[in-house]
Amino acid sequence: MENVLIKDKMYSGTYVAILDMLNPKVISNGKTPIDAINSAKQKGVENPMIVFVPLENMVQIY
């Protein structure tokens, strides 16, 4: 079963900051995790969750 957290293709290949897994609204994004964190902090979110949105058809192994 496939569960897609971020469905918007505009974030493909970037790191995004979200509030948490239950509220995956994108707060900010960036080319690096630090970029996404700093942008989220500028928007008033102190502890964002950072996730990488893979490119389409990219295989990721965790």
PDB file of N, CA and C in Angstrom:
ATOM      1  N   MET A   1       0.829  -1.178   0.000  1.00  0.00           N
ATOM      2  CA  MET A   1       0.000   0.000   0.000  1.00  0.00           C
ATOM      3  C   MET A   1       0.875   1.243   0.000  1.00  0.00           C
ATOM      4  N   GLU A   2       0.548   2.200  -0.833  1.00  0.00           N
ATOM      5  CA  GLU A   2       1.330   3.416  -0.957  1.00  0.00           C
ATOM      6  C   GLU A   2       0.617   4.564  -0.253  1.00  0.00           C
ATOM      7  N   ASN A   3       1.323   5.246   0.620  1.00  0.00           N
ATOM      8  CA  ASN A   3       0.771   6.396   1.319  1.00  0.00           C
ATOM      9  C   ASN A   3       1.622   7.599   0.954  1.00  0.00           C
ATOM     10  N   VAL A   4       1.025   8.556   0.256  1.00  0.00           N
ATOM     11  CA  VAL A   4       1.764   9.726  -0.196  1.00  0.00           C
ATOM     12  C   VAL A   4       1.467  10.890   0.736  1.00  0.00           C
ATOM     13  N   LEU A   5       2.500  11.424   1.346  1.00  0.00           N
ATOM     14  CA  LEU A   5       2.349  12.511   2.305  1.00  0.00           C
ATOM     15  C   LEU A   5       2.207  13.856   1.592  1.00  0.00           C
ATOM     16  N   ILE A   6       3.083  14.130   0.634  1.00  0.00           N
ATOM     17  CA  ILE A   6       3.061  15.385  -0.125  1.00  0.00           C
ATOM     18  C   ILE A   6       2.746  15.036  -1.571  1.00  0.00           C
ATOM     19  N   LYS A   7       1.605  15.469  -2.056  1.00  0.00           N
ATOM     20  CA  LYS A   7       1.165  15.086  -3.398  1.00  0.00           C
ATOM     21  C   LYS A   7       1.486  16.121  -4.469  1.00  0.00           C
ATOM     22  N   ASP A   8       1.810  17.330  -4.071  1.00  0.00           N
ATOM     23  CA  ASP A   8       2.062  18.405  -5.024  1.00  0.00           C
ATOM     24  C   ASP A   8       3.423  18.225  -5.687  1.00  0.00           C
ATOM     25  N   LYS A   9       3.436  18.094  -6.998  1.00  0.00           N
ATOM     26  CA  LYS A   9       4.676  17.825  -7.723  1.00  0.00           C
ATOM     27  C   LYS A   9       5.639  19.008  -7.735  1.00  0.00           C
ATOM     28  N   MET A  10       5.153  20.195  -7.351  1.00  0.00           N
ATOM     29  CA  MET A  10       6.047  21.363  -7.348  1.00  0.00           C
ATOM     30  C   MET A  10       7.155  21.236  -6.300  1.00  0.00           C
ATOM     31  N   TYR A  11       6.979  20.325  -5.329  1.00  0.00           N
ATOM     32  CA  TYR A  11       7.984  20.123  -4.285  1.00  0.00           C
ATOM     33  C   TYR A  11       8.931  18.965  -4.592  1.00  0.00           C
ATOM     34  N   SER A  12       8.800  18.331  -5.741  1.00  0.00           N
ATOM     35  CA  SER A  12       9.649  17.186  -6.095  1.00  0.00           C
ATOM     36  C   SER A  12      11.127  17.557  -6.050  1.00  0.00           C
ATOM     37  N   GLY A  13      11.893  16.730  -5.367  1.00  0.00           N
ATOM     38  CA  GLY A  13      13.334  16.936  -5.280  1.00  0.00           C
ATOM     39  C   GLY A  13      13.756  17.964  -4.248  1.00  0.00           C
ATOM     40  N   THR A  14      12.835  18.396  -3.377  1.00  0.00           N
ATOM     41  CA  THR A  14      13.176  19.381  -2.352  1.00  0.00           C
ATOM     42  C   THR A  14      12.825  18.851  -0.962  1.00  0.00           C
ATOM     43  N   TYR A  15      13.307  19.545   0.029  1.00  0.00           N
ATOM     44  CA  TYR A  15      12.958  19.267   1.412  1.00  0.00           C
ATOM     45  C   TYR A  15      11.818  20.201   1.794  1.00  0.00           C
ATOM     46  N   VAL A  16      10.818  19.676   2.465  1.00  0.00           N
ATOM     47  CA  VAL A  16       9.701  20.509   2.892  1.00  0.00           C
ATOM     48  C   VAL A  16       9.554  20.445   4.405  1.00  0.00           C
ATOM     49  N   ALA A  17       9.093  21.546   4.966  1.00  0.00           N
ATOM     50  CA  ALA A  17       8.792  21.629   6.390  1.00  0.00           C
ATOM     51  C   ALA A  17       7.284  21.522   6.542  1.00  0.00           C
ATOM     52  N   ILE A  18       6.847  20.606   7.413  1.00  0.00           N
ATOM     53  CA  ILE A  18       5.429  20.451   7.714  1.00  0.00           C
ATOM     54  C   ILE A  18       5.250  20.548   9.228  1.00  0.00           C
ATOM     55  N   LEU A  19       4.002  20.738   9.670  1.00  0.00           N
ATOM     56  CA  LEU A  19       3.758  20.811  11.117  1.00  0.00           C
ATOM     57  C   LEU A  19       4.002  19.472  11.775  1.00  0.00           C
ATOM     58  N   ASP A  20       3.364  18.403  11.277  1.00  0.00           N
ATOM     59  CA  ASP A  20       3.573  17.050  11.781  1.00  0.00           C
ATOM     60  C   ASP A  20       2.913  16.062  10.825  1.00  0.00           C
ATOM     61  N   MET A  21       3.006  14.779  11.133  1.00  0.00           N
ATOM     62  CA  MET A  21       2.474  13.748  10.237  1.00  0.00           C
ATOM     63  C   MET A  21       0.952  13.791  10.138  1.00  0.00           C
ATOM     64  N   LEU A  22       0.291  14.276  11.172  1.00  0.00           N
ATOM     65  CA  LEU A  22      -1.164  14.356  11.146  1.00  0.00           C
ATOM     66  C   LEU A  22      -1.650  15.610  10.428  1.00  0.00           C
ATOM     67  N   ASN A  23      -0.788  16.603  10.315  1.00  0.00           N
ATOM     68  CA  ASN A  23      -1.117  17.840   9.624  1.00  0.00           C
ATOM     69  C   ASN A  23       0.008  18.150   8.633  1.00  0.00           C
ATOM     70  N   PRO A  24       0.012  17.474   7.472  1.00  0.00           N
ATOM     71  CA  PRO A  24       1.130  17.614   6.537  1.00  0.00           C
ATOM     72  C   PRO A  24       1.057  18.852   5.638  1.00  0.00           C
ATOM     73  N   LYS A  25       0.473  19.944   6.141  1.00  0.00           N
ATOM     74  CA  LYS A  25       0.439  21.183   5.375  1.00  0.00           C
ATOM     75  C   LYS A  25       1.871  21.700   5.213  1.00  0.00           C
ATOM     76  N   VAL A  26       2.250  22.007   3.990  1.00  0.00           N
ATOM     77  CA  VAL A  26       3.602  22.488   3.716  1.00  0.00           C
ATOM     78  C   VAL A  26       3.739  23.924   4.214  1.00  0.00           C
ATOM     79  N   ILE A  27       4.720  24.124   5.081  1.00  0.00           N
ATOM     80  CA  ILE A  27       4.996  25.455   5.625  1.00  0.00           C
ATOM     81  C   ILE A  27       6.026  26.159   4.763  1.00  0.00           C
ATOM     82  N   SER A  28       7.063  25.405   4.383  1.00  0.00           N
ATOM     83  CA  SER A  28       8.131  25.963   3.557  1.00  0.00           C
ATOM     84  C   SER A  28       8.867  24.828   2.866  1.00  0.00           C
ATOM     85  N   ASN A  29       9.733  25.192   1.944  1.00  0.00           N
ATOM     86  CA  ASN A  29      10.565  24.181   1.282  1.00  0.00           C
ATOM     87  C   ASN A  29      11.910  24.798   0.929  1.00  0.00           C
ATOM     88  N   GLY A  30      12.868  23.937   0.597  1.00  0.00           N
ATOM     89  CA  GLY A  30      14.185  24.413   0.221  1.00  0.00           C
ATOM     90  C   GLY A  30      15.012  23.301  -0.392  1.00  0.00           C
ATOM     91  N   LYS A  31      16.148  23.689  -0.949  1.00  0.00           N
ATOM     92  CA  LYS A  31      17.038  22.698  -1.563  1.00  0.00           C
ATOM     93  C   LYS A  31      17.747  21.854  -0.520  1.00  0.00           C
ATOM     94  N   THR A  32      17.883  22.398   0.691  1.00  0.00           N
ATOM     95  CA  THR A  32      18.517  21.661   1.782  1.00  0.00           C
ATOM     96  C   THR A  32      17.578  21.653   2.988  1.00  0.00           C
ATOM     97  N   PRO A  33      17.780  20.726   3.916  1.00  0.00           N
ATOM     98  CA  PRO A  33      16.942  20.719   5.119  1.00  0.00           C
ATOM     99  C   PRO A  33      17.065  22.028   5.917  1.00  0.00           C
ATOM    100  N   ILE A  34      18.257  22.587   5.958  1.00  0.00           N
ATOM    101  CA  ILE A  34      18.487  23.836   6.703  1.00  0.00           C
ATOM    102  C   ILE A  34      17.687  24.979   6.084  1.00  0.00           C
ATOM    103  N   ASP A  35      17.631  25.040   4.755  1.00  0.00           N
ATOM    104  CA  ASP A  35      16.833  26.071   4.082  1.00  0.00           C
ATOM    105  C   ASP A  35      15.361  25.967   4.484  1.00  0.00           C
ATOM    106  N   ALA A  36      14.836  24.749   4.501  1.00  0.00           N
ATOM    107  CA  ALA A  36      13.430  24.534   4.843  1.00  0.00           C
ATOM    108  C   ALA A  36      13.173  24.896   6.310  1.00  0.00           C
ATOM    109  N   ILE A  37      14.091  24.532   7.199  1.00  0.00           N
ATOM    110  CA  ILE A  37      13.944  24.844   8.622  1.00  0.00           C
ATOM    111  C   ILE A  37      13.980  26.351   8.856  1.00  0.00           C
ATOM    112  N   ASN A  38      14.969  27.021   8.284  1.00  0.00           N
ATOM    113  CA  ASN A  38      15.098  28.464   8.490  1.00  0.00           C
ATOM    114  C   ASN A  38      13.885  29.220   7.961  1.00  0.00           C
ATOM    115  N   SER A  39      13.381  28.816   6.820  1.00  0.00           N
ATOM    116  CA  SER A  39      12.198  29.453   6.252  1.00  0.00           C
ATOM    117  C   SER A  39      10.973  29.230   7.140  1.00  0.00           C
ATOM    118  N   ALA A  40      10.825  28.028   7.680  1.00  0.00           N
ATOM    119  CA  ALA A  40       9.702  27.733   8.572  1.00  0.00           C
ATOM    120  C   ALA A  40       9.805  28.558   9.858  1.00  0.00           C
ATOM    121  N   LYS A  41      11.016  28.699  10.386  1.00  0.00           N
ATOM    122  CA  LYS A  41      11.204  29.484  11.609  1.00  0.00           C
ATOM    123  C   LYS A  41      10.874  30.950  11.376  1.00  0.00           C
ATOM    124  N   GLN A  42      11.183  31.461  10.183  1.00  0.00           N
ATOM    125  CA  GLN A  42      10.827  32.844   9.845  1.00  0.00           C
ATOM    126  C   GLN A  42       9.308  33.018   9.808  1.00  0.00           C
ATOM    127  N   LYS A  43       8.590  31.937   9.553  1.00  0.00           N
ATOM    128  CA  LYS A  43       7.127  31.979   9.515  1.00  0.00           C
ATOM    129  C   LYS A  43       6.511  31.663  10.877  1.00  0.00           C
ATOM    130  N   GLY A  44       7.352  31.505  11.908  1.00  0.00           N
ATOM    131  CA  GLY A  44       6.861  31.325  13.260  1.00  0.00           C
ATOM    132  C   GLY A  44       6.706  29.891  13.729  1.00  0.00           C
ATOM    133  N   VAL A  45       7.185  28.928  12.954  1.00  0.00           N
ATOM    134  CA  VAL A  45       7.103  27.521  13.357  1.00  0.00           C
ATOM    135  C   VAL A  45       8.466  27.121  13.913  1.00  0.00           C
ATOM    136  N   GLU A  46       8.522  26.880  15.213  1.00  0.00           N
ATOM    137  CA  GLU A  46       9.798  26.612  15.882  1.00  0.00           C
ATOM    138  C   GLU A  46      10.352  25.210  15.637  1.00  0.00           C
ATOM    139  N   ASN A  47       9.502  24.197  15.593  1.00  0.00           N
ATOM    140  CA  ASN A  47       9.965  22.813  15.449  1.00  0.00           C
ATOM    141  C   ASN A  47       9.253  22.099  14.305  1.00  0.00           C
ATOM    142  N   PRO A  48       9.565  22.476  13.073  1.00  0.00           N
ATOM    143  CA  PRO A  48       8.905  21.815  11.948  1.00  0.00           C
ATOM    144  C   PRO A  48       9.458  20.410  11.725  1.00  0.00           C
ATOM    145  N   MET A  49       8.664  19.573  11.109  1.00  0.00           N
ATOM    146  CA  MET A  49       9.123  18.253  10.686  1.00  0.00           C
ATOM    147  C   MET A  49       9.612  18.406   9.241  1.00  0.00           C
ATOM    148  N   ILE A  50      10.777  17.881   8.958  1.00  0.00           N
ATOM    149  CA  ILE A  50      11.359  18.001   7.618  1.00  0.00           C
ATOM    150  C   ILE A  50      11.280  16.656   6.915  1.00  0.00           C
ATOM    151  N   VAL A  51      10.782  16.680   5.682  1.00  0.00           N
ATOM    152  CA  VAL A  51      10.729  15.470   4.855  1.00  0.00           C
ATOM    153  C   VAL A  51      11.265  15.794   3.467  1.00  0.00           C
ATOM    154  N   PHE A  52      11.865  14.801   2.840  1.00  0.00           N
ATOM    155  CA  PHE A  52      12.338  14.951   1.468  1.00  0.00           C
ATOM    156  C   PHE A  52      11.257  14.430   0.532  1.00  0.00           C
ATOM    157  N   VAL A  53      10.932  15.213  -0.480  1.00  0.00           N
ATOM    158  CA  VAL A  53       9.957  14.799  -1.484  1.00  0.00           C
ATOM    159  C   VAL A  53      10.751  14.310  -2.693  1.00  0.00           C
ATOM    160  N   PRO A  54      10.703  13.014  -2.964  1.00  0.00           N
ATOM    161  CA  PRO A  54      11.520  12.479  -4.063  1.00  0.00           C
ATOM    162  C   PRO A  54      11.009  12.909  -5.433  1.00  0.00           C
ATOM    163  N   LEU A  55      11.906  12.853  -6.389  1.00  0.00           N
ATOM    164  CA  LEU A  55      11.514  13.080  -7.773  1.00  0.00           C
ATOM    165  C   LEU A  55      10.607  11.946  -8.216  1.00  0.00           C
ATOM    166  N   GLU A  56       9.783  12.196  -9.202  1.00  0.00           N
ATOM    167  CA  GLU A  56       8.881  11.155  -9.689  1.00  0.00           C
ATOM    168  C   GLU A  56       9.688   9.962 -10.184  1.00  0.00           C
ATOM    169  N   ASN A  57       9.251   8.787  -9.833  1.00  0.00           N
ATOM    170  CA  ASN A  57       9.893   7.509 -10.179  1.00  0.00           C
ATOM    171  C   ASN A  57      11.257   7.301  -9.517  1.00  0.00           C
ATOM    172  N   MET A  58      11.562   8.072  -8.500  1.00  0.00           N
ATOM    173  CA  MET A  58      12.809   7.903  -7.754  1.00  0.00           C
ATOM    174  C   MET A  58      12.613   6.807  -6.723  1.00  0.00           C
ATOM    175  N   VAL A  59      13.556   5.898  -6.652  1.00  0.00           N
ATOM    176  CA  VAL A  59      13.491   4.806  -5.676  1.00  0.00           C
ATOM    177  C   VAL A  59      14.209   5.274  -4.413  1.00  0.00           C
ATOM    178  N   GLN A  60      13.532   5.143  -3.279  1.00  0.00           N
ATOM    179  CA  GLN A  60      14.150   5.470  -2.012  1.00  0.00           C
ATOM    180  C   GLN A  60      14.136   4.247  -1.117  1.00  0.00           C
ATOM    181  N   ILE A  61      15.250   3.998  -0.473  1.00  0.00           N
ATOM    182  CA  ILE A  61      15.357   2.871   0.440  1.00  0.00           C
ATOM    183  C   ILE A  61      15.699   3.426   1.809  1.00  0.00           C
ATOM    184  N   TYR A  62      14.887   3.066   2.794  1.00  0.00           N
ATOM    185  CA  TYR A  62      15.119   3.541   4.171  1.00  0.00           C
ATOM    186  C   TYR A  62      15.594   2.407   5.025  1.00  0.00           C
TER     187      TYR A  62
END
